[in-house]
Amino acid sequence: MAKFEEAEARLFHRMFVCKDCKSKQRAPVLKVKEGKVKCRKCGSHNLRPIKKK
């Protein structure tokens, strides 16, 4: 299956997943590393990058 750069950017660029409730959100990488971004759903600061399959 062919990979399109536009689709990959839309699905994975700046996407993070909450480690507690598994919700996804888009945020700047530096703010996530500094701990300034929290989950909209549960309020946790534990975020990880989304995994590419």
C-alpha atoms as a PDB file:
ATOM      1  CA  MET A   1       0.000   0.000   0.000  1.00  0.00           C
ATOM      2  CA  ALA A   2       1.359   3.390  -0.980  1.00  0.00           C
ATOM      3  CA  LYS A   3       2.060   5.972   1.716  1.00  0.00           C
ATOM      4  CA  PHE A   4       1.016   9.551   1.059  1.00  0.00           C
ATOM      5  CA  GLU A   5       2.972  12.303   2.779  1.00  0.00           C
ATOM      6  CA  GLU A   6      -0.157  14.424   3.214  1.00  0.00           C
ATOM      7  CA  ALA A   7      -2.041  11.632   4.942  1.00  0.00           C
ATOM      8  CA  GLU A   8       0.896  10.746   7.168  1.00  0.00           C
ATOM      9  CA  ALA A   9       1.288  14.369   8.232  1.00  0.00           C
ATOM     10  CA  ARG A  10      -2.430  14.624   9.024  1.00  0.00           C
ATOM     11  CA  LEU A  11      -2.470  11.429  11.085  1.00  0.00           C
ATOM     12  CA  PHE A  12       0.868  11.570  12.917  1.00  0.00           C
ATOM     13  CA  HIS A  13       2.338  15.095  12.925  1.00  0.00           C
ATOM     14  CA  ARG A  14       2.259  16.576  16.466  1.00  0.00           C
ATOM     15  CA  MET A  15      -0.241  13.898  17.642  1.00  0.00           C
ATOM     16  CA  PHE A  16      -0.020  12.652  21.210  1.00  0.00           C
ATOM     17  CA  VAL A  17      -1.912  10.032  23.199  1.00  0.00           C
ATOM     18  CA  CYS A  18      -2.739  10.241  26.886  1.00  0.00           C
ATOM     19  CA  LYS A  19      -1.160   7.363  28.805  1.00  0.00           C
ATOM     20  CA  ASP A  20      -4.073   7.244  31.248  1.00  0.00           C
ATOM     21  CA  CYS A  21      -7.282   7.548  29.201  1.00  0.00           C
ATOM     22  CA  LYS A  22      -5.908   6.885  25.661  1.00  0.00           C
ATOM     23  CA  SER A  23      -7.430  10.025  24.132  1.00  0.00           C
ATOM     24  CA  LYS A  24      -5.624  11.744  21.249  1.00  0.00           C
ATOM     25  CA  GLN A  25      -4.782  15.400  20.828  1.00  0.00           C
ATOM     26  CA  ARG A  26      -2.558  17.579  18.688  1.00  0.00           C
ATOM     27  CA  ALA A  27      -0.001  19.772  20.470  1.00  0.00           C
ATOM     28  CA  PRO A  28       3.462  21.319  19.955  1.00  0.00           C
ATOM     29  CA  VAL A  29       6.301  18.957  20.834  1.00  0.00           C
ATOM     30  CA  LEU A  30       8.210  21.428  23.017  1.00  0.00           C
ATOM     31  CA  LYS A  31       5.185  22.228  25.168  1.00  0.00           C
ATOM     32  CA  VAL A  32       4.521  18.515  25.731  1.00  0.00           C
ATOM     33  CA  LYS A  33       8.145  17.946  26.772  1.00  0.00           C
ATOM     34  CA  GLU A  34       7.966  20.871  29.201  1.00  0.00           C
ATOM     35  CA  GLY A  35       4.756  19.474  30.715  1.00  0.00           C
ATOM     36  CA  LYS A  36       2.632  22.491  29.820  1.00  0.00           C
ATOM     37  CA  VAL A  37       0.038  20.465  27.885  1.00  0.00           C
ATOM     38  CA  LYS A  38      -2.552  18.380  29.693  1.00  0.00           C
ATOM     39  CA  CYS A  39      -5.197  15.940  28.505  1.00  0.00           C
ATOM     40  CA  ARG A  40      -8.576  17.482  27.713  1.00  0.00           C
ATOM     41  CA  LYS A  41     -10.442  14.466  29.036  1.00  0.00           C
ATOM     42  CA  CYS A  42      -8.734  13.539  32.311  1.00  0.00           C
ATOM     43  CA  GLY A  43      -6.294  16.414  32.989  1.00  0.00           C
ATOM     44  CA  SER A  44      -3.187  14.224  33.045  1.00  0.00           C
ATOM     45  CA  HIS A  45       0.220  15.489  31.885  1.00  0.00           C
ATOM     46  CA  ASN A  46       1.369  11.974  30.840  1.00  0.00           C
ATOM     47  CA  LEU A  47       1.393  12.128  27.027  1.00  0.00           C
ATOM     48  CA  ARG A  48       3.276  10.021  24.502  1.00  0.00           C
ATOM     49  CA  PRO A  49       3.714  10.320  20.719  1.00  0.00           C
ATOM     50  CA  ILE A  50       1.270   8.288  18.634  1.00  0.00           C
ATOM     51  CA  LYS A  51       2.727   5.032  17.278  1.00  0.00           C
ATOM     52  CA  LYS A  52       3.032   4.551  13.522  1.00  0.00           C
ATOM     53  CA  LYS A  53       2.021   1.114  12.351  1.00  0.00           C
END
